[in-house]
C-alpha atoms as a PDB file:
ATOM      1  CA  UNK A   1       2.382  -1.728  47.136  1.00  0.00           C
ATOM      2  CA  UNK A   2       4.199   0.934  45.181  1.00  0.00           C
ATOM      3  CA  UNK A   3       5.598   1.553  41.751  1.00  0.00           C
ATOM      4  CA  UNK A   4       8.042   4.047  40.210  1.00  0.00           C
ATOM      5  CA  UNK A   5       6.782   7.498  39.353  1.00  0.00           C
ATOM      6  CA  UNK A   6       6.675   7.456  35.562  1.00  0.00           C
ATOM      7  CA  UNK A   7       5.011   9.243  32.660  1.00  0.00           C
ATOM      8  CA  UNK A   8       3.305   6.523  30.632  1.00  0.00           C
ATOM      9  CA  UNK A   9       2.353   7.574  27.130  1.00  0.00           C
ATOM     10  CA  UNK A  10      -0.765   5.423  27.355  1.00  0.00           C
ATOM     11  CA  UNK A  11      -1.965   7.432  30.342  1.00  0.00           C
ATOM     12  CA  UNK A  12      -2.623  10.619  28.431  1.00  0.00           C
ATOM     13  CA  UNK A  13      -5.530  12.616  27.049  1.00  0.00           C
ATOM     14  CA  UNK A  14      -6.178  15.581  24.772  1.00  0.00           C
ATOM     15  CA  UNK A  15      -8.858  18.191  25.447  1.00  0.00           C
ATOM     16  CA  UNK A  16     -10.021  20.761  22.879  1.00  0.00           C
ATOM     17  CA  UNK A  17     -12.475  23.605  23.486  1.00  0.00           C
ATOM     18  CA  UNK A  18     -13.794  26.514  21.419  1.00  0.00           C
ATOM     19  CA  UNK A  19     -12.636  29.853  22.837  1.00  0.00           C
ATOM     20  CA  UNK A  20     -15.306  32.425  23.648  1.00  0.00           C
ATOM     21  CA  UNK A  21     -12.701  35.172  23.322  1.00  0.00           C
ATOM     22  CA  UNK A  22      -9.556  34.755  21.267  1.00  0.00           C
ATOM     23  CA  UNK A  23      -6.496  33.612  23.243  1.00  0.00           C
ATOM     24  CA  UNK A  24      -8.391  33.093  26.477  1.00  0.00           C
ATOM     25  CA  UNK A  25      -7.539  30.301  28.878  1.00  0.00           C
ATOM     26  CA  UNK A  26     -10.773  28.352  29.368  1.00  0.00           C
ATOM     27  CA  UNK A  27     -11.115  25.610  31.922  1.00  0.00           C
ATOM     28  CA  UNK A  28     -10.746  22.269  30.193  1.00  0.00           C
ATOM     29  CA  UNK A  29     -12.598  19.271  31.557  1.00  0.00           C
ATOM     30  CA  UNK A  30     -13.338  15.621  30.832  1.00  0.00           C
ATOM     31  CA  UNK A  31     -16.239  16.689  28.586  1.00  0.00           C
ATOM     32  CA  UNK A  32     -13.723  18.397  26.270  1.00  0.00           C
ATOM     33  CA  UNK A  33     -11.576  15.291  25.708  1.00  0.00           C
ATOM     34  CA  UNK A  34     -11.296  14.105  22.107  1.00  0.00           C
ATOM     35  CA  UNK A  35     -10.065  10.493  21.963  1.00  0.00           C
ATOM     36  CA  UNK A  36      -6.965  10.569  19.756  1.00  0.00           C
ATOM     37  CA  UNK A  37      -3.905   8.468  18.992  1.00  0.00           C
ATOM     38  CA  UNK A  38      -0.351   9.136  17.818  1.00  0.00           C
ATOM     39  CA  UNK A  39      -0.519  12.428  19.711  1.00  0.00           C
ATOM     40  CA  UNK A  40       2.444  14.759  20.052  1.00  0.00           C
ATOM     41  CA  UNK A  41       2.817  18.148  21.704  1.00  0.00           C
ATOM     42  CA  UNK A  42       5.692  20.287  20.442  1.00  0.00           C
ATOM     43  CA  UNK A  43       7.015  23.703  21.383  1.00  0.00           C
ATOM     44  CA  UNK A  44       9.464  25.503  19.139  1.00  0.00           C
ATOM     45  CA  UNK A  45      11.661  28.385  20.237  1.00  0.00           C
ATOM     46  CA  UNK A  46      13.588  30.507  17.776  1.00  0.00           C
ATOM     47  CA  UNK A  47      17.316  30.383  18.402  1.00  0.00           C
ATOM     48  CA  UNK A  48      19.537  33.211  17.172  1.00  0.00           C
ATOM     49  CA  UNK A  49      23.238  32.298  16.947  1.00  0.00           C
ATOM     50  CA  UNK A  50      25.586  34.756  18.626  1.00  0.00           C
ATOM     51  CA  UNK A  51      28.627  34.825  16.345  1.00  0.00           C
ATOM     52  CA  UNK A  52      30.416  37.814  17.823  1.00  0.00           C
ATOM     53  CA  UNK A  53      34.195  37.434  17.566  1.00  0.00           C
ATOM     54  CA  UNK A  54      35.994  36.887  20.865  1.00  0.00           C
ATOM     55  CA  UNK A  55      39.346  35.555  19.675  1.00  0.00           C
ATOM     56  CA  UNK A  56      38.341  32.101  20.880  1.00  0.00           C
ATOM     57  CA  UNK A  57      36.849  29.067  19.169  1.00  0.00           C
ATOM     58  CA  UNK A  58      34.285  28.675  21.935  1.00  0.00           C
ATOM     59  CA  UNK A  59      30.669  29.281  20.953  1.00  0.00           C
ATOM     60  CA  UNK A  60      28.589  31.876  22.677  1.00  0.00           C
ATOM     61  CA  UNK A  61      25.113  30.697  23.726  1.00  0.00           C
ATOM     62  CA  UNK A  62      22.302  31.094  21.243  1.00  0.00           C
ATOM     63  CA  UNK A  63      19.845  33.869  22.024  1.00  0.00           C
ATOM     64  CA  UNK A  64      16.352  32.546  22.746  1.00  0.00           C
ATOM     65  CA  UNK A  65      13.608  34.168  20.678  1.00  0.00           C
ATOM     66  CA  UNK A  66       9.902  33.751  19.981  1.00  0.00           C
ATOM     67  CA  UNK A  67       7.944  30.628  20.870  1.00  0.00           C
ATOM     68  CA  UNK A  68       5.254  28.625  19.085  1.00  0.00           C
ATOM     69  CA  UNK A  69       3.460  25.406  19.970  1.00  0.00           C
ATOM     70  CA  UNK A  70       1.408  22.679  18.319  1.00  0.00           C
ATOM     71  CA  UNK A  71      -0.557  19.524  19.054  1.00  0.00           C
ATOM     72  CA  UNK A  72      -0.907  16.786  16.444  1.00  0.00           C
ATOM     73  CA  UNK A  73      -2.783  13.527  16.457  1.00  0.00           C
ATOM     74  CA  UNK A  74      -5.338  11.282  14.818  1.00  0.00           C
ATOM     75  CA  UNK A  75      -9.011  10.815  15.653  1.00  0.00           C
ATOM     76  CA  UNK A  76     -11.304   8.126  14.290  1.00  0.00           C
ATOM     77  CA  UNK A  77     -14.535   9.649  13.012  1.00  0.00           C
ATOM     78  CA  UNK A  78     -17.694   8.392  14.650  1.00  0.00           C
ATOM     79  CA  UNK A  79     -21.188   9.586  15.425  1.00  0.00           C
ATOM     80  CA  UNK A  80     -22.800  10.315  18.771  1.00  0.00           C
ATOM     81  CA  UNK A  81     -24.885   7.144  18.646  1.00  0.00           C
ATOM     82  CA  UNK A  82     -27.974   9.098  19.722  1.00  0.00           C
ATOM     83  CA  UNK A  83     -30.092  11.853  18.177  1.00  0.00           C
ATOM     84  CA  UNK A  84     -28.147  15.074  17.686  1.00  0.00           C
ATOM     85  CA  UNK A  85     -29.204  18.288  19.407  1.00  0.00           C
ATOM     86  CA  UNK A  86     -27.780  21.676  20.315  1.00  0.00           C
ATOM     87  CA  UNK A  87     -25.846  19.952  23.084  1.00  0.00           C
ATOM     88  CA  UNK A  88     -25.204  16.571  21.408  1.00  0.00           C
ATOM     89  CA  UNK A  89     -22.492  16.999  18.779  1.00  0.00           C
ATOM     90  CA  UNK A  90     -19.849  14.843  17.096  1.00  0.00           C
ATOM     91  CA  UNK A  91     -16.816  14.468  19.358  1.00  0.00           C
ATOM     92  CA  UNK A  92     -14.618  16.109  16.685  1.00  0.00           C
ATOM     93  CA  UNK A  93     -16.861  19.202  16.589  1.00  0.00           C
ATOM     94  CA  UNK A  94     -14.240  21.550  18.057  1.00  0.00           C
ATOM     95  CA  UNK A  95     -11.527  20.147  15.779  1.00  0.00           C
ATOM     96  CA  UNK A  96     -13.601  20.707  12.633  1.00  0.00           C
ATOM     97  CA  UNK A  97     -14.497  24.234  13.695  1.00  0.00           C
ATOM     98  CA  UNK A  98     -10.820  24.963  14.389  1.00  0.00           C
ATOM     99  CA  UNK A  99     -10.204  24.083  10.720  1.00  0.00           C
ATOM    100  CA  UNK A 100     -12.387  27.020   9.646  1.00  0.00           C
ATOM    101  CA  UNK A 101     -15.570  25.026   9.129  1.00  0.00           C
ATOM    102  CA  UNK A 102     -19.014  26.158  10.197  1.00  0.00           C
ATOM    103  CA  UNK A 103     -21.261  23.946  12.326  1.00  0.00           C
ATOM    104  CA  UNK A 104     -24.942  23.925  11.407  1.00  0.00           C
ATOM    105  CA  UNK A 105     -27.402  21.763  13.312  1.00  0.00           C
ATOM    106  CA  UNK A 106     -30.779  20.460  12.135  1.00  0.00           C
ATOM    107  CA  UNK A 107     -32.918  18.939  14.849  1.00  0.00           C
ATOM    108  CA  UNK A 108     -36.104  17.880  13.106  1.00  0.00           C
ATOM    109  CA  UNK A 109     -37.329  14.734  14.836  1.00  0.00           C
ATOM    110  CA  UNK A 110     -35.912  11.616  13.204  1.00  0.00           C
ATOM    111  CA  UNK A 111     -33.570  13.554  10.902  1.00  0.00           C
ATOM    112  CA  UNK A 112     -31.208  15.279  13.321  1.00  0.00           C
ATOM    113  CA  UNK A 113     -27.738  16.113  12.023  1.00  0.00           C
ATOM    114  CA  UNK A 114     -24.738  18.411  12.205  1.00  0.00           C
ATOM    115  CA  UNK A 115     -23.256  19.741   8.953  1.00  0.00           C
ATOM    116  CA  UNK A 116     -19.763  21.223   8.586  1.00  0.00           C
ATOM    117  CA  UNK A 117     -18.760  23.402   5.623  1.00  0.00           C
ATOM    118  CA  UNK A 118     -15.972  25.928   4.872  1.00  0.00           C
ATOM    119  CA  UNK A 119     -16.178  29.479   6.202  1.00  0.00           C
ATOM    120  CA  UNK A 120     -14.555  32.497   4.607  1.00  0.00           C
ATOM    121  CA  UNK A 121     -14.478  34.690   7.709  1.00  0.00           C
ATOM    122  CA  UNK A 122     -15.079  34.735  11.468  1.00  0.00           C
ATOM    123  CA  UNK A 123     -13.240  31.528  12.234  1.00  0.00           C
ATOM    124  CA  UNK A 124     -13.383  29.943  15.700  1.00  0.00           C
ATOM    125  CA  UNK A 125     -10.178  29.418  17.654  1.00  0.00           C
ATOM    126  CA  UNK A 126      -9.636  26.696  20.217  1.00  0.00           C
ATOM    127  CA  UNK A 127      -7.666  26.080  23.356  1.00  0.00           C
ATOM    128  CA  UNK A 128      -6.136  22.623  23.470  1.00  0.00           C
ATOM    129  CA  UNK A 129      -3.998  20.720  25.908  1.00  0.00           C
ATOM    130  CA  UNK A 130      -2.257  17.394  26.209  1.00  0.00           C
ATOM    131  CA  UNK A 131      -2.291  15.809  29.657  1.00  0.00           C
ATOM    132  CA  UNK A 132       0.100  13.040  30.680  1.00  0.00           C
ATOM    133  CA  UNK A 133       0.376  11.386  34.071  1.00  0.00           C
ATOM    134  CA  UNK A 134       3.357  12.570  36.086  1.00  0.00           C
ATOM    135  CA  UNK A 135       4.375  15.071  33.394  1.00  0.00           C
ATOM    136  CA  UNK A 136       3.706  18.669  32.508  1.00  0.00           C
ATOM    137  CA  UNK A 137       0.626  19.721  30.592  1.00  0.00           C
ATOM    138  CA  UNK A 138       1.278  21.089  27.098  1.00  0.00           C
ATOM    139  CA  UNK A 139      -1.293  23.778  26.283  1.00  0.00           C
ATOM    140  CA  UNK A 140      -1.869  25.990  23.262  1.00  0.00           C
ATOM    141  CA  UNK A 141      -4.228  28.956  23.022  1.00  0.00           C
ATOM    142  CA  UNK A 142      -5.773  30.858  20.111  1.00  0.00           C
ATOM    143  CA  UNK A 143      -5.175  27.811  17.948  1.00  0.00           C
ATOM    144  CA  UNK A 144      -6.354  26.942  14.464  1.00  0.00           C
ATOM    145  CA  UNK A 145      -5.649  23.848  12.451  1.00  0.00           C
ATOM    146  CA  UNK A 146      -5.481  21.961   9.245  1.00  0.00           C
ATOM    147  CA  UNK A 147      -5.957  18.274   8.597  1.00  0.00           C
ATOM    148  CA  UNK A 148      -6.667  15.304   6.369  1.00  0.00           C
ATOM    149  CA  UNK A 149      -9.520  12.827   6.415  1.00  0.00           C
ATOM    150  CA  UNK A 150      -8.525   9.402   5.117  1.00  0.00           C
ATOM    151  CA  UNK A 151     -11.203   6.883   4.159  1.00  0.00           C
ATOM    152  CA  UNK A 152      -9.915   3.417   3.227  1.00  0.00           C
ATOM    153  CA  UNK A 153     -12.225   0.576   2.249  1.00  0.00           C
ATOM    154  CA  UNK A 154     -12.791  -1.735   5.197  1.00  0.00           C
ATOM    155  CA  UNK A 155     -11.361   0.655   7.804  1.00  0.00           C
ATOM    156  CA  UNK A 156     -12.571   3.550   9.982  1.00  0.00           C
ATOM    157  CA  UNK A 157     -12.161   7.089   8.676  1.00  0.00           C
ATOM    158  CA  UNK A 158      -9.097   8.725  10.244  1.00  0.00           C
ATOM    159  CA  UNK A 159      -8.926  12.477  10.869  1.00  0.00           C
ATOM    160  CA  UNK A 160      -5.252  13.548  11.030  1.00  0.00           C
ATOM    161  CA  UNK A 161      -5.136  16.899  12.805  1.00  0.00           C
ATOM    162  CA  UNK A 162      -2.501  19.566  13.310  1.00  0.00           C
ATOM    163  CA  UNK A 163      -3.333  22.445  15.664  1.00  0.00           C
ATOM    164  CA  UNK A 164      -0.988  25.439  15.846  1.00  0.00           C
ATOM    165  CA  UNK A 165      -1.378  27.986  18.617  1.00  0.00           C
ATOM    166  CA  UNK A 166       0.179  30.408  21.035  1.00  0.00           C
ATOM    167  CA  UNK A 167       2.613  28.918  23.501  1.00  0.00           C
ATOM    168  CA  UNK A 168       1.525  28.346  27.076  1.00  0.00           C
ATOM    169  CA  UNK A 169       4.256  27.582  29.595  1.00  0.00           C
ATOM    170  CA  UNK A 170       3.960  23.856  30.494  1.00  0.00           C
ATOM    171  CA  UNK A 171       2.774  23.357  34.059  1.00  0.00           C
ATOM    172  CA  UNK A 172       2.017  20.473  36.383  1.00  0.00           C
ATOM    173  CA  UNK A 173      -1.674  19.697  35.959  1.00  0.00           C
ATOM    174  CA  UNK A 174      -3.476  16.542  37.014  1.00  0.00           C
ATOM    175  CA  UNK A 175      -4.434  14.100  34.270  1.00  0.00           C
ATOM    176  CA  UNK A 176      -8.095  14.226  33.229  1.00  0.00           C
ATOM    177  CA  UNK A 177      -9.763  11.108  31.882  1.00  0.00           C
ATOM    178  CA  UNK A 178     -12.774  10.503  29.688  1.00  0.00           C
ATOM    179  CA  UNK A 179     -15.643   8.087  29.985  1.00  0.00           C
ATOM    180  CA  UNK A 180     -14.780   5.097  27.805  1.00  0.00           C
ATOM    181  CA  UNK A 181     -16.382   5.440  24.342  1.00  0.00           C
ATOM    182  CA  UNK A 182     -19.228   3.020  23.669  1.00  0.00           C
ATOM    183  CA  UNK A 183     -19.981   3.946  20.036  1.00  0.00           C
ATOM    184  CA  UNK A 184     -17.685   2.023  17.690  1.00  0.00           C
ATOM    185  CA  UNK A 185     -16.327   4.108  14.777  1.00  0.00           C
ATOM    186  CA  UNK A 186     -18.052   3.085  11.528  1.00  0.00           C
ATOM    187  CA  UNK A 187     -16.153   1.451   8.678  1.00  0.00           C
ATOM    188  CA  UNK A 188     -15.900   2.626   5.067  1.00  0.00           C
ATOM    189  CA  UNK A 189     -18.028  -0.005   3.354  1.00  0.00           C
ATOM    190  CA  UNK A 190     -21.415   0.218   1.640  1.00  0.00           C
ATOM    191  CA  UNK A 191     -20.088   3.716   1.092  1.00  0.00           C
ATOM    192  CA  UNK A 192     -22.317   4.730  -1.851  1.00  0.00           C
ATOM    193  CA  UNK A 193     -19.334   6.291  -3.674  1.00  0.00           C
ATOM    194  CA  UNK A 194     -20.772   8.441  -6.459  1.00  0.00           C
ATOM    195  CA  UNK A 195     -18.509  10.158  -9.013  1.00  0.00           C
ATOM    196  CA  UNK A 196     -20.301  12.405 -11.504  1.00  0.00           C
ATOM    197  CA  UNK A 197     -23.453  10.327 -11.081  1.00  0.00           C
ATOM    198  CA  UNK A 198     -21.617   7.024 -11.642  1.00  0.00           C
ATOM    199  CA  UNK A 199     -21.932   4.534  -8.762  1.00  0.00           C
ATOM    200  CA  UNK A 200     -20.178   1.524 -10.322  1.00  0.00           C
ATOM    201  CA  UNK A 201     -16.551   2.687  -9.984  1.00  0.00           C
ATOM    202  CA  UNK A 202     -14.468   0.584  -7.580  1.00  0.00           C
ATOM    203  CA  UNK A 203     -12.525   2.876  -5.227  1.00  0.00           C
ATOM    204  CA  UNK A 204     -10.256   1.631  -2.444  1.00  0.00           C
ATOM    205  CA  UNK A 205      -9.436   4.939  -0.749  1.00  0.00           C
ATOM    206  CA  UNK A 206     -10.445   8.592  -0.643  1.00  0.00           C
ATOM    207  CA  UNK A 207      -8.473  11.287   1.162  1.00  0.00           C
ATOM    208  CA  UNK A 208      -9.460  14.924   1.658  1.00  0.00           C
ATOM    209  CA  UNK A 209      -6.836  17.513   2.598  1.00  0.00           C
ATOM    210  CA  UNK A 210      -8.401  20.644   4.098  1.00  0.00           C
ATOM    211  CA  UNK A 211      -5.338  22.564   2.945  1.00  0.00           C
ATOM    212  CA  UNK A 212      -5.332  25.466   5.393  1.00  0.00           C
ATOM    213  CA  UNK A 213      -2.322  27.782   5.407  1.00  0.00           C
ATOM    214  CA  UNK A 214      -1.622  28.761   9.022  1.00  0.00           C
ATOM    215  CA  UNK A 215       0.481  31.821   9.823  1.00  0.00           C
ATOM    216  CA  UNK A 216       1.757  33.337  13.049  1.00  0.00           C
ATOM    217  CA  UNK A 217       1.417  37.096  13.526  1.00  0.00           C
ATOM    218  CA  UNK A 218       4.568  38.559  15.125  1.00  0.00           C
ATOM    219  CA  UNK A 219       3.980  40.978  17.988  1.00  0.00           C
ATOM    220  CA  UNK A 220       6.714  42.692  19.962  1.00  0.00           C
ATOM    221  CA  UNK A 221       4.153  43.369  22.686  1.00  0.00           C
ATOM    222  CA  UNK A 222       3.600  39.666  23.371  1.00  0.00           C
ATOM    223  CA  UNK A 223       5.698  37.724  25.844  1.00  0.00           C
ATOM    224  CA  UNK A 224       6.253  34.971  23.251  1.00  0.00           C
ATOM    225  CA  UNK A 225       6.820  37.448  20.346  1.00  0.00           C
ATOM    226  CA  UNK A 226       3.645  36.266  18.594  1.00  0.00           C
ATOM    227  CA  UNK A 227       0.208  37.753  19.164  1.00  0.00           C
ATOM    228  CA  UNK A 228      -2.041  35.474  17.136  1.00  0.00           C
ATOM    229  CA  UNK A 229      -2.390  32.594  14.699  1.00  0.00           C
ATOM    230  CA  UNK A 230      -4.693  32.763  11.709  1.00  0.00           C
ATOM    231  CA  UNK A 231      -5.912  30.814   8.688  1.00  0.00           C
ATOM    232  CA  UNK A 232      -4.531  32.876   5.823  1.00  0.00           C
ATOM    233  CA  UNK A 233      -5.632  30.737   2.881  1.00  0.00           C
ATOM    234  CA  UNK A 234      -7.254  27.440   1.980  1.00  0.00           C
ATOM    235  CA  UNK A 235      -7.023  24.967  -0.899  1.00  0.00           C
ATOM    236  CA  UNK A 236      -9.088  21.821  -0.375  1.00  0.00           C
ATOM    237  CA  UNK A 237      -7.850  18.873  -2.409  1.00  0.00           C
ATOM    238  CA  UNK A 238      -8.814  15.232  -2.698  1.00  0.00           C
ATOM    239  CA  UNK A 239      -7.241  12.025  -3.933  1.00  0.00           C
ATOM    240  CA  UNK A 240      -9.029   8.812  -4.880  1.00  0.00           C
ATOM    241  CA  UNK A 241      -8.101   5.706  -6.807  1.00  0.00           C
ATOM    242  CA  UNK A 242     -10.867   4.288  -9.021  1.00  0.00           C
ATOM    243  CA  UNK A 243     -10.077   1.072 -10.834  1.00  0.00           C
ATOM    244  CA  UNK A 244      -9.300   1.739 -14.515  1.00  0.00           C
ATOM    245  CA  UNK A 245     -12.269   1.446 -16.876  1.00  0.00           C
ATOM    246  CA  UNK A 246     -12.850   2.051 -20.571  1.00  0.00           C
ATOM    247  CA  UNK A 247     -13.650   5.533 -21.836  1.00  0.00           C
ATOM    248  CA  UNK A 248     -17.115   4.239 -22.693  1.00  0.00           C
ATOM    249  CA  UNK A 249     -17.745   3.534 -19.018  1.00  0.00           C
ATOM    250  CA  UNK A 250     -16.187   6.806 -17.816  1.00  0.00           C
ATOM    251  CA  UNK A 251     -13.663   9.065 -19.523  1.00  0.00           C
ATOM    252  CA  UNK A 252     -11.501  10.487 -16.746  1.00  0.00           C
ATOM    253  CA  UNK A 253      -9.004  11.989 -19.190  1.00  0.00           C
ATOM    254  CA  UNK A 254     -11.563  14.034 -21.085  1.00  0.00           C
ATOM    255  CA  UNK A 255     -12.885  15.423 -17.801  1.00  0.00           C
ATOM    256  CA  UNK A 256      -9.380  16.504 -16.866  1.00  0.00           C
ATOM    257  CA  UNK A 257      -8.582  17.872 -20.306  1.00  0.00           C
ATOM    258  CA  UNK A 258     -11.753  19.987 -20.380  1.00  0.00           C
ATOM    259  CA  UNK A 259     -11.439  21.103 -16.726  1.00  0.00           C
ATOM    260  CA  UNK A 260     -14.915  19.721 -16.126  1.00  0.00           C
ATOM    261  CA  UNK A 261     -16.107  19.970 -12.541  1.00  0.00           C
ATOM    262  CA  UNK A 262     -18.233  17.116 -11.262  1.00  0.00           C
ATOM    263  CA  UNK A 263     -20.083  16.166  -8.087  1.00  0.00           C
ATOM    264  CA  UNK A 264     -18.571  13.526  -5.789  1.00  0.00           C
ATOM    265  CA  UNK A 265     -20.116  12.011  -2.662  1.00  0.00           C
ATOM    266  CA  UNK A 266     -19.580   9.060  -0.335  1.00  0.00           C
ATOM    267  CA  UNK A 267     -20.325   7.987   3.216  1.00  0.00           C
ATOM    268  CA  UNK A 268     -18.698   6.124   6.081  1.00  0.00           C
ATOM    269  CA  UNK A 269     -21.133   3.997   8.077  1.00  0.00           C
ATOM    270  CA  UNK A 270     -24.764   3.149   7.429  1.00  0.00           C
ATOM    271  CA  UNK A 271     -26.396   3.348  10.869  1.00  0.00           C
ATOM    272  CA  UNK A 272     -28.246   6.551  11.742  1.00  0.00           C
ATOM    273  CA  UNK A 273     -26.380   8.791  14.209  1.00  0.00           C
ATOM    274  CA  UNK A 274     -23.194   6.881  13.461  1.00  0.00           C
ATOM    275  CA  UNK A 275     -22.609   7.686   9.812  1.00  0.00           C
ATOM    276  CA  UNK A 276     -20.654  10.469   8.163  1.00  0.00           C
ATOM    277  CA  UNK A 277     -21.570  11.717   4.695  1.00  0.00           C
ATOM    278  CA  UNK A 278     -19.253  13.694   2.422  1.00  0.00           C
ATOM    279  CA  UNK A 279     -20.376  15.835  -0.495  1.00  0.00           C
ATOM    280  CA  UNK A 280     -18.288  17.913  -2.912  1.00  0.00           C
ATOM    281  CA  UNK A 281     -20.338  19.580  -5.695  1.00  0.00           C
ATOM    282  CA  UNK A 282     -17.510  20.843  -7.931  1.00  0.00           C
ATOM    283  CA  UNK A 283     -14.527  18.493  -8.144  1.00  0.00           C
ATOM    284  CA  UNK A 284     -11.912  19.129 -10.828  1.00  0.00           C
ATOM    285  CA  UNK A 285      -9.430  16.414 -11.826  1.00  0.00           C
ATOM    286  CA  UNK A 286      -5.935  17.911 -11.887  1.00  0.00           C
ATOM    287  CA  UNK A 287      -3.739  14.831 -12.338  1.00  0.00           C
ATOM    288  CA  UNK A 288      -4.205  11.218 -13.401  1.00  0.00           C
ATOM    289  CA  UNK A 289      -1.483   8.734 -12.521  1.00  0.00           C
ATOM    290  CA  UNK A 290      -1.608   5.015 -13.222  1.00  0.00           C
ATOM    291  CA  UNK A 291      -1.027   2.758 -10.220  1.00  0.00           C
ATOM    292  CA  UNK A 292      -1.232  -0.979  -9.637  1.00  0.00           C
ATOM    293  CA  UNK A 293      -3.572  -2.288  -6.972  1.00  0.00           C
ATOM    294  CA  UNK A 294      -3.449  -6.018  -6.260  1.00  0.00           C
ATOM    295  CA  UNK A 295      -2.238  -6.646  -9.799  1.00  0.00           C
ATOM    296  CA  UNK A 296      -4.966  -4.480 -11.353  1.00  0.00           C
ATOM    297  CA  UNK A 297      -4.645  -1.079 -12.996  1.00  0.00           C
ATOM    298  CA  UNK A 298      -6.124   1.910 -11.200  1.00  0.00           C
ATOM    299  CA  UNK A 299      -6.045   5.681 -11.592  1.00  0.00           C
ATOM    300  CA  UNK A 300      -4.703   7.852  -8.792  1.00  0.00           C
ATOM    301  CA  UNK A 301      -6.685  11.057  -9.213  1.00  0.00           C
ATOM    302  CA  UNK A 302      -5.545  14.349  -7.682  1.00  0.00           C
ATOM    303  CA  UNK A 303      -8.491  16.720  -7.513  1.00  0.00           C
ATOM    304  CA  UNK A 304      -9.337  20.272  -6.484  1.00  0.00           C
ATOM    305  CA  UNK A 305     -12.548  21.040  -4.625  1.00  0.00           C
ATOM    306  CA  UNK A 306     -14.100  24.361  -5.572  1.00  0.00           C
ATOM    307  CA  UNK A 307     -17.337  26.071  -4.648  1.00  0.00           C
ATOM    308  CA  UNK A 308     -20.655  25.885  -6.446  1.00  0.00           C
ATOM    309  CA  UNK A 309     -22.485  28.789  -4.790  1.00  0.00           C
ATOM    310  CA  UNK A 310     -19.871  29.715  -2.155  1.00  0.00           C
ATOM    311  CA  UNK A 311     -18.797  28.028   1.102  1.00  0.00           C
ATOM    312  CA  UNK A 312     -19.844  24.617  -0.192  1.00  0.00           C
ATOM    313  CA  UNK A 313     -16.632  23.111  -1.552  1.00  0.00           C
ATOM    314  CA  UNK A 314     -17.120  20.296   0.927  1.00  0.00           C
ATOM    315  CA  UNK A 315     -19.902  19.345   3.312  1.00  0.00           C
ATOM    316  CA  UNK A 316     -19.359  16.811   6.081  1.00  0.00           C
ATOM    317  CA  UNK A 317     -22.614  15.648   7.607  1.00  0.00           C
ATOM    318  CA  UNK A 318     -23.012  13.611  10.768  1.00  0.00           C
ATOM    319  CA  UNK A 319     -26.534  12.209  10.724  1.00  0.00           C
END
């Protein structure tokens, strides 16, 4: 039996690995696969119009310039399902570190976890590649990223990721496949949402935007005209939509008006080694917009996450 040679989008995988040395080309393997969906590889080449006058209406070809590349997709957050260790990490470990977050492990028996929090220096770059059957591999090197984590009541937490890196010429590489995941991503319920010590507010969704500003560093010495990518700045923001309450229950407007910073925390999942906890110690309400949710009034809060003692604007704990 035979079938046409095709490139099925379903038969694809994405591998991500921390680089030991910036802009190296590490060997990617099945162990580096991060299960993702809605994945897209893109390469962009600068095009410089050639508008020299020739006496004709015909266009001269554009002049090809520098090249950049990116990989985007969505991962569902989940735990390892077993006790964490130096070698057992969340499957999105490399993605979080590529966002400029540190990874700190605690392996005390019965309380093992990995915590991720913002760094201010010495970020870790990744190599990443998208594999598709019967198609070229799209690879980026020296990549960093930014992303959003969306938590909606009754649904898994979704990590929307954008990695930007140095362009690698697409080549024919065999598809690599992962072992099928057995740990089901946890759902955002029994989420212990706590806002400034209040646990009675009804919230339907929380979204955190890591807010990294990624820049390419031009280099005339590089074959692609760019020598590196870096995280130049960061502004972590959050939105959430508590149901409207009286000022006596909680006065959101006074907190905004006084620029009060409050602690916010929540979690996705309740089973050990498959739960993700979020903690932000200094959240400032920037905007309050009224929205309707199922015929009820709610507040759409736009918030800024700032540091309490430094590098703690946000902590994501897998425990």
